Amino acid sequence: MREKLELVSGRNVHVDRGCKKIEAANLRLRSQLRTRVVQFYQESGMTKRAASKALGLTQPKLNALLRGKVSDFPLDALVRIAVRAGFRVQVRVTSTA
């Protein structure tokens, strides 16, 4: 099994770019998941066809993910994809105060 993937929202480039805090936190988490899925694909040595099948995606959806189109994927979809890639996803909520 792959390593545990813990998502924590802290300093956020999306807030710095003017997004509302809620939207920015969501984008950050989705970006973190996307990064790990891309890393899985790159390290796997699989073809796009094999990887898309393993991740439960169509090839066009995998291509969109590899190109960084996180806006095409809701957070729950990215969690499912990460789990299929062998990650155990945990979300930790902390106070901002």
N, C-alpha and C. Protein backbone atom coordinates (compact mmCIF):
# COMPACT_ATOMS: atom_id res chain seq x y z
N MET A 1 0.84 -1.18 0.00
CA MET A 1 0.00 0.00 0.00
C MET A 1 0.88 1.25 0.00
N ARG A 2 0.42 2.26 -0.65
CA ARG A 2 1.14 3.53 -0.70
C ARG A 2 1.02 4.24 0.64
N GLU A 3 1.74 5.33 0.75
CA GLU A 3 1.74 6.11 1.97
C GLU A 3 0.38 6.76 2.24
N LYS A 4 0.20 7.16 3.49
CA LYS A 4 -1.00 7.88 3.87
C LYS A 4 -0.90 9.29 3.32
N LEU A 5 -1.97 9.79 2.78
CA LEU A 5 -2.02 11.14 2.25
C LEU A 5 -2.90 11.97 3.16
N GLU A 6 -2.29 12.88 3.90
CA GLU A 6 -3.04 13.72 4.83
C GLU A 6 -3.17 15.10 4.24
N LEU A 7 -4.39 15.57 4.13
CA LEU A 7 -4.66 16.88 3.55
C LEU A 7 -4.90 17.88 4.66
N VAL A 8 -4.13 18.93 4.66
CA VAL A 8 -4.27 19.98 5.66
C VAL A 8 -4.27 21.31 4.93
N SER A 9 -5.25 22.12 5.23
CA SER A 9 -5.30 23.43 4.60
C SER A 9 -4.65 24.45 5.51
N GLY A 10 -3.61 25.08 5.05
CA GLY A 10 -2.91 26.11 5.79
C GLY A 10 -2.72 27.31 4.89
N ARG A 11 -1.51 27.80 4.75
CA ARG A 11 -1.22 28.91 3.83
C ARG A 11 -1.65 28.48 2.43
N ASN A 12 -2.34 29.37 1.74
CA ASN A 12 -3.00 28.95 0.51
C ASN A 12 -2.77 29.98 -0.59
N VAL A 13 -2.16 29.56 -1.68
CA VAL A 13 -1.88 30.44 -2.82
C VAL A 13 -3.18 30.95 -3.44
N HIS A 14 -4.25 30.16 -3.36
CA HIS A 14 -5.52 30.57 -3.94
C HIS A 14 -6.11 31.77 -3.19
N VAL A 15 -5.92 31.83 -1.88
CA VAL A 15 -6.36 33.01 -1.11
C VAL A 15 -5.55 34.21 -1.55
N ASP A 16 -4.24 33.99 -1.71
CA ASP A 16 -3.36 35.07 -2.13
C ASP A 16 -3.77 35.62 -3.50
N ARG A 17 -4.38 34.77 -4.33
CA ARG A 17 -4.82 35.20 -5.66
C ARG A 17 -6.23 35.77 -5.66
N GLY A 18 -6.84 35.89 -4.49
CA GLY A 18 -8.14 36.56 -4.40
C GLY A 18 -9.35 35.68 -4.28
N CYS A 19 -9.17 34.37 -4.18
CA CYS A 19 -10.32 33.48 -4.01
C CYS A 19 -10.86 33.61 -2.59
N LYS A 20 -12.15 33.35 -2.44
CA LYS A 20 -12.73 33.31 -1.11
C LYS A 20 -12.13 32.13 -0.36
N LYS A 21 -12.06 32.23 0.97
CA LYS A 21 -11.39 31.20 1.77
C LYS A 21 -11.95 29.80 1.54
N ILE A 22 -13.28 29.67 1.46
CA ILE A 22 -13.87 28.34 1.29
C ILE A 22 -13.47 27.76 -0.07
N GLU A 23 -13.58 28.55 -1.09
CA GLU A 23 -13.20 28.10 -2.44
C GLU A 23 -11.72 27.79 -2.50
N ALA A 24 -10.90 28.63 -1.86
CA ALA A 24 -9.45 28.42 -1.87
C ALA A 24 -9.06 27.14 -1.16
N ALA A 25 -9.71 26.84 -0.03
CA ALA A 25 -9.41 25.60 0.69
C ALA A 25 -9.76 24.39 -0.16
N ASN A 26 -10.89 24.44 -0.84
CA ASN A 26 -11.30 23.35 -1.71
C ASN A 26 -10.32 23.17 -2.86
N LEU A 27 -9.91 24.26 -3.48
CA LEU A 27 -8.94 24.19 -4.58
C LEU A 27 -7.60 23.63 -4.12
N ARG A 28 -7.20 24.01 -2.93
CA ARG A 28 -5.91 23.53 -2.41
C ARG A 28 -5.95 22.03 -2.20
N LEU A 29 -7.03 21.55 -1.59
CA LEU A 29 -7.15 20.11 -1.36
C LEU A 29 -7.21 19.34 -2.67
N ARG A 30 -7.96 19.87 -3.63
CA ARG A 30 -8.05 19.20 -4.93
C ARG A 30 -6.69 19.20 -5.63
N SER A 31 -5.94 20.29 -5.50
CA SER A 31 -4.60 20.36 -6.11
C SER A 31 -3.65 19.35 -5.48
N GLN A 32 -3.74 19.19 -4.15
CA GLN A 32 -2.88 18.22 -3.47
C GLN A 32 -3.19 16.80 -3.93
N LEU A 33 -4.47 16.50 -4.05
CA LEU A 33 -4.86 15.16 -4.53
C LEU A 33 -4.40 14.94 -5.96
N ARG A 34 -4.59 15.92 -6.81
CA ARG A 34 -4.16 15.82 -8.20
C ARG A 34 -2.66 15.56 -8.30
N THR A 35 -1.89 16.27 -7.50
CA THR A 35 -0.44 16.09 -7.50
C THR A 35 -0.05 14.66 -7.18
N ARG A 36 -0.71 14.08 -6.18
CA ARG A 36 -0.40 12.70 -5.80
C ARG A 36 -0.82 11.70 -6.87
N VAL A 37 -1.96 11.94 -7.52
CA VAL A 37 -2.41 11.03 -8.57
C VAL A 37 -1.45 11.10 -9.77
N VAL A 38 -1.01 12.29 -10.11
CA VAL A 38 -0.04 12.44 -11.20
C VAL A 38 1.26 11.73 -10.83
N GLN A 39 1.69 11.89 -9.60
CA GLN A 39 2.90 11.21 -9.13
C GLN A 39 2.74 9.69 -9.26
N PHE A 40 1.57 9.17 -8.85
CA PHE A 40 1.28 7.75 -8.99
C PHE A 40 1.43 7.32 -10.45
N TYR A 41 0.80 8.07 -11.34
CA TYR A 41 0.85 7.72 -12.77
C TYR A 41 2.29 7.72 -13.29
N GLN A 42 3.04 8.76 -12.97
CA GLN A 42 4.41 8.87 -13.46
C GLN A 42 5.31 7.75 -12.95
N GLU A 43 5.12 7.38 -11.69
CA GLU A 43 5.97 6.34 -11.10
C GLU A 43 5.51 4.93 -11.46
N SER A 44 4.28 4.79 -11.91
CA SER A 44 3.72 3.46 -12.17
C SER A 44 4.29 2.81 -13.42
N GLY A 45 4.68 3.62 -14.39
CA GLY A 45 5.13 3.08 -15.66
C GLY A 45 3.99 2.57 -16.53
N MET A 46 2.77 2.79 -16.10
CA MET A 46 1.60 2.35 -16.86
C MET A 46 1.38 3.23 -18.08
N THR A 47 0.73 2.64 -19.07
CA THR A 47 0.26 3.45 -20.18
C THR A 47 -0.93 4.26 -19.68
N LYS A 48 -1.31 5.29 -20.43
CA LYS A 48 -2.48 6.07 -20.05
C LYS A 48 -3.73 5.19 -20.05
N ARG A 49 -3.77 4.27 -20.98
CA ARG A 49 -4.93 3.37 -21.06
C ARG A 49 -5.05 2.53 -19.79
N ALA A 50 -3.93 1.93 -19.38
CA ALA A 50 -3.93 1.09 -18.18
C ALA A 50 -4.20 1.91 -16.92
N ALA A 51 -3.58 3.09 -16.84
CA ALA A 51 -3.77 3.94 -15.66
C ALA A 51 -5.20 4.44 -15.56
N SER A 52 -5.78 4.83 -16.69
CA SER A 52 -7.16 5.31 -16.64
C SER A 52 -8.10 4.20 -16.18
N LYS A 53 -7.85 2.99 -16.62
CA LYS A 53 -8.67 1.85 -16.18
C LYS A 53 -8.48 1.60 -14.68
N ALA A 54 -7.23 1.61 -14.22
CA ALA A 54 -6.94 1.37 -12.80
C ALA A 54 -7.56 2.45 -11.90
N LEU A 55 -7.62 3.66 -12.41
CA LEU A 55 -8.14 4.78 -11.61
C LEU A 55 -9.64 5.00 -11.80
N GLY A 56 -10.24 4.22 -12.67
CA GLY A 56 -11.68 4.35 -12.90
C GLY A 56 -12.06 5.57 -13.71
N LEU A 57 -11.17 5.96 -14.62
CA LEU A 57 -11.39 7.15 -15.44
C LEU A 57 -11.40 6.79 -16.91
N THR A 58 -11.95 7.66 -17.72
CA THR A 58 -11.76 7.55 -19.16
C THR A 58 -10.40 8.17 -19.46
N GLN A 59 -9.85 7.84 -20.61
CA GLN A 59 -8.57 8.46 -20.98
C GLN A 59 -8.67 9.98 -21.10
N PRO A 60 -9.74 10.53 -21.68
CA PRO A 60 -9.83 11.99 -21.72
C PRO A 60 -9.85 12.62 -20.32
N LYS A 61 -10.50 11.94 -19.35
CA LYS A 61 -10.52 12.47 -17.98
C LYS A 61 -9.13 12.39 -17.36
N LEU A 62 -8.41 11.29 -17.60
CA LEU A 62 -7.04 11.19 -17.09
C LEU A 62 -6.18 12.27 -17.71
N ASN A 63 -6.31 12.50 -19.00
CA ASN A 63 -5.54 13.56 -19.66
C ASN A 63 -5.84 14.92 -19.05
N ALA A 64 -7.12 15.19 -18.77
CA ALA A 64 -7.49 16.46 -18.14
C ALA A 64 -6.82 16.60 -16.78
N LEU A 65 -6.81 15.53 -16.02
CA LEU A 65 -6.18 15.55 -14.70
C LEU A 65 -4.68 15.77 -14.81
N LEU A 66 -4.05 15.09 -15.75
CA LEU A 66 -2.61 15.25 -15.95
C LEU A 66 -2.24 16.67 -16.40
N ARG A 67 -3.15 17.32 -17.10
CA ARG A 67 -2.93 18.70 -17.56
C ARG A 67 -3.27 19.73 -16.48
N GLY A 68 -3.73 19.28 -15.34
CA GLY A 68 -3.98 20.20 -14.23
C GLY A 68 -5.37 20.77 -14.17
N LYS A 69 -6.31 20.16 -14.83
CA LYS A 69 -7.69 20.65 -14.87
C LYS A 69 -8.46 20.21 -13.62
N VAL A 70 -8.02 20.63 -12.44
CA VAL A 70 -8.69 20.21 -11.20
C VAL A 70 -10.12 20.74 -11.12
N SER A 71 -10.41 21.80 -11.84
CA SER A 71 -11.77 22.33 -11.82
C SER A 71 -12.78 21.37 -12.43
N ASP A 72 -12.29 20.39 -13.21
CA ASP A 72 -13.16 19.39 -13.82
C ASP A 72 -13.52 18.26 -12.86
N PHE A 73 -12.92 18.26 -11.66
CA PHE A 73 -13.09 17.16 -10.72
C PHE A 73 -13.53 17.66 -9.35
N PRO A 74 -14.69 17.23 -8.89
CA PRO A 74 -15.08 17.56 -7.52
C PRO A 74 -14.15 16.88 -6.52
N LEU A 75 -14.09 17.40 -5.32
CA LEU A 75 -13.20 16.87 -4.30
C LEU A 75 -13.47 15.38 -4.04
N ASP A 76 -14.72 14.98 -3.96
CA ASP A 76 -15.02 13.58 -3.67
C ASP A 76 -14.54 12.66 -4.80
N ALA A 77 -14.60 13.12 -6.04
CA ALA A 77 -14.10 12.32 -7.16
C ALA A 77 -12.59 12.13 -7.05
N LEU A 78 -11.88 13.18 -6.68
CA LEU A 78 -10.43 13.09 -6.53
C LEU A 78 -10.04 12.18 -5.37
N VAL A 79 -10.85 12.18 -4.32
CA VAL A 79 -10.59 11.26 -3.20
C VAL A 79 -10.73 9.82 -3.69
N ARG A 80 -11.78 9.52 -4.44
CA ARG A 80 -11.97 8.17 -4.97
C ARG A 80 -10.81 7.77 -5.88
N ILE A 81 -10.35 8.67 -6.71
CA ILE A 81 -9.24 8.39 -7.62
C ILE A 81 -7.96 8.11 -6.81
N ALA A 82 -7.72 8.92 -5.79
CA ALA A 82 -6.52 8.74 -4.96
C ALA A 82 -6.56 7.39 -4.24
N VAL A 83 -7.73 7.00 -3.77
CA VAL A 83 -7.87 5.70 -3.09
C VAL A 83 -7.59 4.58 -4.09
N ARG A 84 -8.10 4.71 -5.31
CA ARG A 84 -7.83 3.70 -6.34
C ARG A 84 -6.33 3.63 -6.67
N ALA A 85 -5.64 4.75 -6.49
CA ALA A 85 -4.19 4.79 -6.73
C ALA A 85 -3.40 4.19 -5.56
N GLY A 86 -4.12 3.81 -4.50
CA GLY A 86 -3.45 3.15 -3.38
C GLY A 86 -3.17 4.05 -2.19
N PHE A 87 -3.67 5.26 -2.21
CA PHE A 87 -3.48 6.16 -1.09
C PHE A 87 -4.60 6.00 -0.07
N ARG A 88 -4.29 6.23 1.17
CA ARG A 88 -5.29 6.33 2.23
C ARG A 88 -5.43 7.81 2.52
N VAL A 89 -6.57 8.37 2.25
CA VAL A 89 -6.77 9.82 2.35
C VAL A 89 -7.39 10.15 3.70
N GLN A 90 -6.80 11.11 4.38
CA GLN A 90 -7.34 11.61 5.63
C GLN A 90 -7.41 13.12 5.55
N VAL A 91 -8.48 13.67 6.08
CA VAL A 91 -8.61 15.12 6.15
C VAL A 91 -8.54 15.51 7.61
N ARG A 92 -7.68 16.46 7.92
CA ARG A 92 -7.53 16.94 9.29
C ARG A 92 -8.02 18.37 9.33
N VAL A 93 -8.90 18.65 10.24
CA VAL A 93 -9.45 19.99 10.39
C VAL A 93 -8.85 20.62 11.64
N THR A 94 -8.28 21.82 11.47
CA THR A 94 -7.69 22.52 12.61
C THR A 94 -8.25 23.93 12.69
N SER A 95 -8.12 24.53 13.82
CA SER A 95 -8.59 25.89 14.02
C SER A 95 -7.64 26.87 13.35
N THR A 96 -8.19 27.95 12.82
CA THR A 96 -7.34 28.98 12.19
C THR A 96 -6.92 30.02 13.20
N ALA A 97 -7.44 29.94 14.40
CA ALA A 97 -7.13 30.94 15.44
C ALA A 97 -5.83 30.66 16.11
